[in-house]
Amino acid sequence: MTLLAWATVITGAYIVYPWYRATPPPDALSLTGYPQRLLLSSPSTIAWHSIGME
């Protein structure tokens, strides 16, 4: 159980979180590859960012 907990922490901190915070280039036409910016781009989805990251 301890190994599973550490694997979850390491995966979240070093794989998922950097991918989530990726910054799109200024000329990006689609934000689908940049989840944080996609959530923050619409008033109806901003709460999902607040719930998941705060």
N, C-alpha and C. Protein backbone atom coordinates (compact mmCIF):
# COMPACT_ATOMS: atom_id res chain seq x y z
N MET A 1 0.82 -1.17 0.00
CA MET A 1 0.00 0.00 0.00
C MET A 1 0.88 1.25 0.00
N THR A 2 1.95 1.21 0.73
CA THR A 2 2.86 2.36 0.76
C THR A 2 3.47 2.60 -0.61
N LEU A 3 3.88 1.56 -1.29
CA LEU A 3 4.45 1.71 -2.63
C LEU A 3 3.43 2.28 -3.61
N LEU A 4 2.20 1.85 -3.50
CA LEU A 4 1.15 2.38 -4.35
C LEU A 4 0.92 3.87 -4.10
N ALA A 5 0.94 4.26 -2.83
CA ALA A 5 0.77 5.68 -2.49
C ALA A 5 1.92 6.51 -3.06
N TRP A 6 3.15 6.05 -2.91
CA TRP A 6 4.30 6.79 -3.45
C TRP A 6 4.26 6.83 -4.97
N ALA A 7 3.86 5.76 -5.60
CA ALA A 7 3.75 5.74 -7.06
C ALA A 7 2.72 6.76 -7.54
N THR A 8 1.63 6.90 -6.80
CA THR A 8 0.61 7.88 -7.13
C THR A 8 1.15 9.30 -7.00
N VAL A 9 1.87 9.57 -5.94
CA VAL A 9 2.45 10.90 -5.72
C VAL A 9 3.47 11.24 -6.80
N ILE A 10 4.35 10.31 -7.09
CA ILE A 10 5.39 10.56 -8.10
C ILE A 10 4.78 10.74 -9.49
N THR A 11 3.81 9.91 -9.82
CA THR A 11 3.15 10.04 -11.12
C THR A 11 2.45 11.39 -11.24
N GLY A 12 1.75 11.79 -10.21
CA GLY A 12 1.05 13.06 -10.24
C GLY A 12 1.98 14.25 -10.30
N ALA A 13 3.06 14.20 -9.53
CA ALA A 13 3.97 15.34 -9.45
C ALA A 13 4.87 15.49 -10.67
N TYR A 14 5.29 14.38 -11.25
CA TYR A 14 6.29 14.47 -12.32
C TYR A 14 5.77 14.13 -13.72
N ILE A 15 4.57 13.58 -13.82
CA ILE A 15 4.03 13.24 -15.14
C ILE A 15 2.75 14.04 -15.42
N VAL A 16 1.78 13.96 -14.55
CA VAL A 16 0.48 14.59 -14.80
C VAL A 16 0.54 16.10 -14.62
N TYR A 17 1.11 16.59 -13.53
CA TYR A 17 1.10 18.02 -13.25
C TYR A 17 1.85 18.85 -14.30
N PRO A 18 3.05 18.48 -14.73
CA PRO A 18 3.70 19.27 -15.78
C PRO A 18 2.91 19.25 -17.10
N TRP A 19 2.29 18.14 -17.43
CA TRP A 19 1.47 18.07 -18.64
C TRP A 19 0.25 18.99 -18.50
N TYR A 20 -0.34 19.02 -17.32
CA TYR A 20 -1.51 19.87 -17.08
C TYR A 20 -1.14 21.35 -17.21
N ARG A 21 0.03 21.73 -16.73
CA ARG A 21 0.42 23.14 -16.73
C ARG A 21 1.15 23.58 -17.99
N ALA A 22 1.23 22.77 -18.99
CA ALA A 22 1.93 23.13 -20.22
C ALA A 22 1.38 24.45 -20.78
N THR A 23 2.28 25.29 -21.24
CA THR A 23 1.90 26.59 -21.78
C THR A 23 1.80 26.51 -23.30
N PRO A 24 0.66 26.88 -23.85
CA PRO A 24 0.51 26.82 -25.31
C PRO A 24 1.32 27.93 -25.99
N PRO A 25 1.76 27.69 -27.21
CA PRO A 25 2.43 28.77 -27.94
C PRO A 25 1.43 29.88 -28.27
N PRO A 26 1.92 31.09 -28.48
CA PRO A 26 1.00 32.22 -28.74
C PRO A 26 0.10 32.02 -29.96
N ASP A 27 0.55 31.25 -30.94
CA ASP A 27 -0.26 31.06 -32.15
C ASP A 27 -1.08 29.78 -32.14
N ALA A 28 -1.31 29.18 -30.97
CA ALA A 28 -2.08 27.94 -30.87
C ALA A 28 -3.54 28.19 -31.24
N LEU A 29 -4.05 27.40 -32.16
CA LEU A 29 -5.45 27.53 -32.57
C LEU A 29 -6.38 26.70 -31.71
N SER A 30 -5.87 25.61 -31.15
CA SER A 30 -6.68 24.72 -30.34
C SER A 30 -6.00 24.52 -28.98
N LEU A 31 -6.78 24.56 -27.94
CA LEU A 31 -6.24 24.37 -26.59
C LEU A 31 -6.45 22.95 -26.07
N THR A 32 -6.81 22.01 -26.92
CA THR A 32 -7.10 20.66 -26.45
C THR A 32 -5.88 19.96 -25.85
N GLY A 33 -4.67 20.32 -26.25
CA GLY A 33 -3.47 19.72 -25.70
C GLY A 33 -2.95 20.43 -24.47
N TYR A 34 -3.67 21.44 -24.00
CA TYR A 34 -3.26 22.26 -22.87
C TYR A 34 -4.42 22.37 -21.89
N PRO A 35 -4.62 21.35 -21.04
CA PRO A 35 -5.83 21.26 -20.23
C PRO A 35 -6.07 22.44 -19.29
N GLN A 36 -5.03 22.96 -18.67
CA GLN A 36 -5.25 24.08 -17.76
C GLN A 36 -5.80 25.29 -18.51
N ARG A 37 -5.19 25.63 -19.63
CA ARG A 37 -5.65 26.79 -20.41
C ARG A 37 -7.04 26.54 -21.00
N LEU A 38 -7.33 25.31 -21.33
CA LEU A 38 -8.66 24.98 -21.86
C LEU A 38 -9.72 25.20 -20.80
N LEU A 39 -9.46 24.75 -19.57
CA LEU A 39 -10.42 24.96 -18.49
C LEU A 39 -10.59 26.43 -18.16
N LEU A 40 -9.50 27.18 -18.19
CA LEU A 40 -9.57 28.60 -17.84
C LEU A 40 -10.11 29.48 -18.97
N SER A 41 -10.28 28.92 -20.16
CA SER A 41 -10.72 29.72 -21.30
C SER A 41 -12.23 29.97 -21.32
N SER A 42 -12.98 29.26 -20.52
CA SER A 42 -14.43 29.41 -20.53
C SER A 42 -14.94 29.63 -19.11
N PRO A 43 -15.82 30.62 -18.91
CA PRO A 43 -16.37 30.85 -17.57
C PRO A 43 -17.11 29.64 -17.00
N SER A 44 -17.63 28.80 -17.86
CA SER A 44 -18.38 27.64 -17.37
C SER A 44 -17.48 26.49 -16.90
N THR A 45 -16.19 26.55 -17.20
CA THR A 45 -15.29 25.46 -16.78
C THR A 45 -14.21 25.91 -15.79
N ILE A 46 -14.20 27.18 -15.44
CA ILE A 46 -13.18 27.67 -14.50
C ILE A 46 -13.29 26.95 -13.16
N ALA A 47 -14.49 26.63 -12.72
CA ALA A 47 -14.68 25.96 -11.44
C ALA A 47 -14.00 24.60 -11.41
N TRP A 48 -13.93 23.90 -12.54
CA TRP A 48 -13.26 22.60 -12.56
C TRP A 48 -11.78 22.75 -12.23
N HIS A 49 -11.15 23.81 -12.71
CA HIS A 49 -9.75 24.06 -12.37
C HIS A 49 -9.62 24.33 -10.87
N SER A 50 -10.51 25.13 -10.32
CA SER A 50 -10.47 25.46 -8.89
C SER A 50 -10.67 24.22 -8.03
N ILE A 51 -11.60 23.37 -8.41
CA ILE A 51 -11.88 22.17 -7.63
C ILE A 51 -10.69 21.21 -7.68
N GLY A 52 -10.13 21.00 -8.85
CA GLY A 52 -9.07 20.01 -9.00
C GLY A 52 -7.70 20.46 -8.52
N MET A 53 -7.43 21.76 -8.56
CA MET A 53 -6.08 22.21 -8.26
C MET A 53 -5.95 22.99 -6.96
N GLU A 54 -7.00 23.28 -6.30
CA GLU A 54 -6.88 24.10 -5.08
C GLU A 54 -7.13 23.32 -3.84
